[in-house]
Amino acid sequence: MKNRKKLICPLCGKAYSEPPATSRTDNSTLICPDCGTKQALSIFGLSIEEQEKIIETIHKSKT
């Protein structure tokens, strides 16, 4: 397994090492996968709470 460089998400400030997502706001800023997922889910009108539950489920499925 490769050691990936830790990056800091400019939106949430958290460190991440997964491949980044591209922000939907400017189509160029690299953001963490969680913020990318939140931006995608917000298009469907999901509340922050619903978005967090989905992201929690995604994290649980990775373990």
N, C-alpha and C. Protein backbone atom coordinates (compact mmCIF):
# COMPACT_ATOMS: atom_id res chain seq x y z
N MET A 1 0.84 -1.18 0.00
CA MET A 1 0.00 0.00 0.00
C MET A 1 0.89 1.24 0.00
N LYS A 2 0.58 2.20 -0.84
CA LYS A 2 1.37 3.42 -0.92
C LYS A 2 1.10 4.33 0.25
N ASN A 3 2.15 5.01 0.69
CA ASN A 3 1.96 6.06 1.69
C ASN A 3 1.57 7.33 0.95
N ARG A 4 0.42 7.83 1.25
CA ARG A 4 -0.06 9.03 0.58
C ARG A 4 0.20 10.25 1.44
N LYS A 5 0.51 11.33 0.78
CA LYS A 5 0.74 12.59 1.47
C LYS A 5 -0.57 13.08 2.09
N LYS A 6 -0.48 13.58 3.31
CA LYS A 6 -1.66 14.15 3.95
C LYS A 6 -1.91 15.54 3.38
N LEU A 7 -3.14 15.78 2.99
CA LEU A 7 -3.55 17.07 2.48
C LEU A 7 -4.54 17.69 3.46
N ILE A 8 -4.69 19.00 3.43
CA ILE A 8 -5.65 19.69 4.29
C ILE A 8 -6.76 20.25 3.40
N CYS A 9 -7.99 19.91 3.75
CA CYS A 9 -9.14 20.39 2.97
C CYS A 9 -9.35 21.88 3.26
N PRO A 10 -9.44 22.71 2.21
CA PRO A 10 -9.65 24.13 2.43
C PRO A 10 -11.06 24.48 2.92
N LEU A 11 -11.99 23.53 2.81
CA LEU A 11 -13.36 23.80 3.27
C LEU A 11 -13.56 23.46 4.73
N CYS A 12 -13.14 22.26 5.13
CA CYS A 12 -13.40 21.82 6.51
C CYS A 12 -12.16 21.86 7.39
N GLY A 13 -10.98 21.97 6.79
CA GLY A 13 -9.74 22.04 7.55
C GLY A 13 -9.20 20.72 8.04
N LYS A 14 -9.85 19.62 7.67
CA LYS A 14 -9.40 18.30 8.12
C LYS A 14 -8.32 17.75 7.19
N ALA A 15 -7.41 16.95 7.78
CA ALA A 15 -6.38 16.27 7.00
C ALA A 15 -7.00 15.03 6.36
N TYR A 16 -6.57 14.74 5.14
CA TYR A 16 -7.03 13.53 4.46
C TYR A 16 -5.92 13.02 3.55
N SER A 17 -5.98 11.73 3.24
CA SER A 17 -4.96 11.15 2.37
C SER A 17 -5.57 10.40 1.17
N GLU A 18 -6.88 10.37 1.10
CA GLU A 18 -7.56 9.73 -0.03
C GLU A 18 -7.44 10.65 -1.26
N PRO A 19 -7.71 10.13 -2.44
CA PRO A 19 -7.71 11.00 -3.62
C PRO A 19 -8.73 12.13 -3.43
N PRO A 20 -8.38 13.35 -3.78
CA PRO A 20 -9.28 14.49 -3.55
C PRO A 20 -10.44 14.53 -4.54
N ALA A 21 -11.43 15.31 -4.16
CA ALA A 21 -12.55 15.62 -5.04
C ALA A 21 -12.31 17.04 -5.57
N THR A 22 -12.95 17.38 -6.66
CA THR A 22 -12.89 18.74 -7.18
C THR A 22 -14.15 19.46 -6.75
N SER A 23 -13.97 20.64 -6.18
CA SER A 23 -15.11 21.41 -5.69
C SER A 23 -16.05 21.76 -6.82
N ARG A 24 -17.33 21.63 -6.54
CA ARG A 24 -18.35 21.97 -7.54
C ARG A 24 -18.56 23.48 -7.64
N THR A 25 -18.02 24.24 -6.68
CA THR A 25 -18.24 25.68 -6.71
C THR A 25 -17.38 26.39 -7.74
N ASP A 26 -16.14 25.88 -7.97
CA ASP A 26 -15.28 26.53 -8.95
C ASP A 26 -14.64 25.55 -9.94
N ASN A 27 -14.92 24.29 -9.78
CA ASN A 27 -14.40 23.24 -10.67
C ASN A 27 -12.88 23.19 -10.74
N SER A 28 -12.20 23.69 -9.69
CA SER A 28 -10.74 23.60 -9.71
C SER A 28 -10.13 23.33 -8.33
N THR A 29 -10.78 23.76 -7.27
CA THR A 29 -10.24 23.58 -5.93
C THR A 29 -10.35 22.12 -5.52
N LEU A 30 -9.24 21.56 -5.03
CA LEU A 30 -9.25 20.19 -4.54
C LEU A 30 -9.70 20.17 -3.10
N ILE A 31 -10.67 19.32 -2.79
CA ILE A 31 -11.25 19.22 -1.45
C ILE A 31 -11.26 17.76 -1.02
N CYS A 32 -11.52 17.52 0.26
CA CYS A 32 -11.54 16.15 0.76
C CYS A 32 -12.77 15.41 0.22
N PRO A 33 -12.69 14.09 0.19
CA PRO A 33 -13.82 13.31 -0.32
C PRO A 33 -15.13 13.58 0.43
N ASP A 34 -15.06 13.81 1.73
CA ASP A 34 -16.29 14.07 2.49
C ASP A 34 -16.95 15.37 2.04
N CYS A 35 -16.16 16.43 1.86
CA CYS A 35 -16.73 17.69 1.39
C CYS A 35 -17.26 17.55 -0.04
N GLY A 36 -16.57 16.76 -0.85
CA GLY A 36 -17.06 16.49 -2.20
C GLY A 36 -18.40 15.78 -2.18
N THR A 37 -18.53 14.82 -1.28
CA THR A 37 -19.80 14.11 -1.13
C THR A 37 -20.89 15.05 -0.65
N LYS A 38 -20.56 15.91 0.32
CA LYS A 38 -21.55 16.87 0.83
C LYS A 38 -22.03 17.81 -0.28
N GLN A 39 -21.09 18.28 -1.10
CA GLN A 39 -21.48 19.16 -2.20
C GLN A 39 -22.40 18.43 -3.17
N ALA A 40 -22.10 17.18 -3.46
CA ALA A 40 -22.94 16.40 -4.37
C ALA A 40 -24.33 16.17 -3.77
N LEU A 41 -24.37 15.83 -2.49
CA LEU A 41 -25.66 15.55 -1.85
C LEU A 41 -26.52 16.81 -1.70
N SER A 42 -25.88 17.97 -1.54
CA SER A 42 -26.65 19.20 -1.36
C SER A 42 -27.49 19.53 -2.59
N ILE A 43 -27.08 19.05 -3.75
CA ILE A 43 -27.85 19.27 -4.98
C ILE A 43 -29.25 18.66 -4.86
N PHE A 44 -29.36 17.58 -4.08
CA PHE A 44 -30.63 16.90 -3.90
C PHE A 44 -31.47 17.49 -2.77
N GLY A 45 -30.97 18.56 -2.15
CA GLY A 45 -31.73 19.23 -1.10
C GLY A 45 -31.68 18.51 0.24
N LEU A 46 -30.70 17.64 0.43
CA LEU A 46 -30.59 16.93 1.71
C LEU A 46 -30.06 17.87 2.79
N SER A 47 -30.60 17.71 3.98
CA SER A 47 -30.14 18.53 5.10
C SER A 47 -28.73 18.13 5.50
N ILE A 48 -28.08 18.98 6.27
CA ILE A 48 -26.73 18.69 6.78
C ILE A 48 -26.76 17.39 7.59
N GLU A 49 -27.80 17.19 8.38
CA GLU A 49 -27.92 15.99 9.20
C GLU A 49 -28.01 14.74 8.32
N GLU A 50 -28.80 14.82 7.26
CA GLU A 50 -28.92 13.68 6.35
C GLU A 50 -27.60 13.41 5.64
N GLN A 51 -26.91 14.46 5.25
CA GLN A 51 -25.61 14.32 4.60
C GLN A 51 -24.61 13.64 5.54
N GLU A 52 -24.60 14.06 6.80
CA GLU A 52 -23.68 13.47 7.78
C GLU A 52 -23.96 11.99 8.00
N LYS A 53 -25.25 11.61 8.03
CA LYS A 53 -25.61 10.20 8.19
C LYS A 53 -25.10 9.37 7.02
N ILE A 54 -25.24 9.91 5.82
CA ILE A 54 -24.77 9.19 4.63
C ILE A 54 -23.26 9.04 4.67
N ILE A 55 -22.55 10.09 5.02
CA ILE A 55 -21.08 10.04 5.10
C ILE A 55 -20.65 9.06 6.19
N GLU A 56 -21.36 9.04 7.30
CA GLU A 56 -21.06 8.08 8.38
C GLU A 56 -21.22 6.65 7.86
N THR A 57 -22.27 6.41 7.10
CA THR A 57 -22.51 5.09 6.53
C THR A 57 -21.38 4.70 5.56
N ILE A 58 -20.95 5.66 4.76
CA ILE A 58 -19.83 5.40 3.83
C ILE A 58 -18.58 5.01 4.61
N HIS A 59 -18.29 5.75 5.68
CA HIS A 59 -17.09 5.45 6.48
C HIS A 59 -17.19 4.06 7.13
N LYS A 60 -18.37 3.70 7.60
CA LYS A 60 -18.55 2.38 8.21
C LYS A 60 -18.35 1.26 7.20
N SER A 61 -18.75 1.49 5.96
CA SER A 61 -18.62 0.45 4.94
C SER A 61 -17.17 0.23 4.51
N LYS A 62 -16.30 1.18 4.79
CA LYS A 62 -14.88 1.06 4.43
C LYS A 62 -14.10 0.23 5.43
N THR A 63 -14.68 -0.04 6.58
CA THR A 63 -13.95 -0.81 7.61
C THR A 63 -14.25 -2.28 7.54
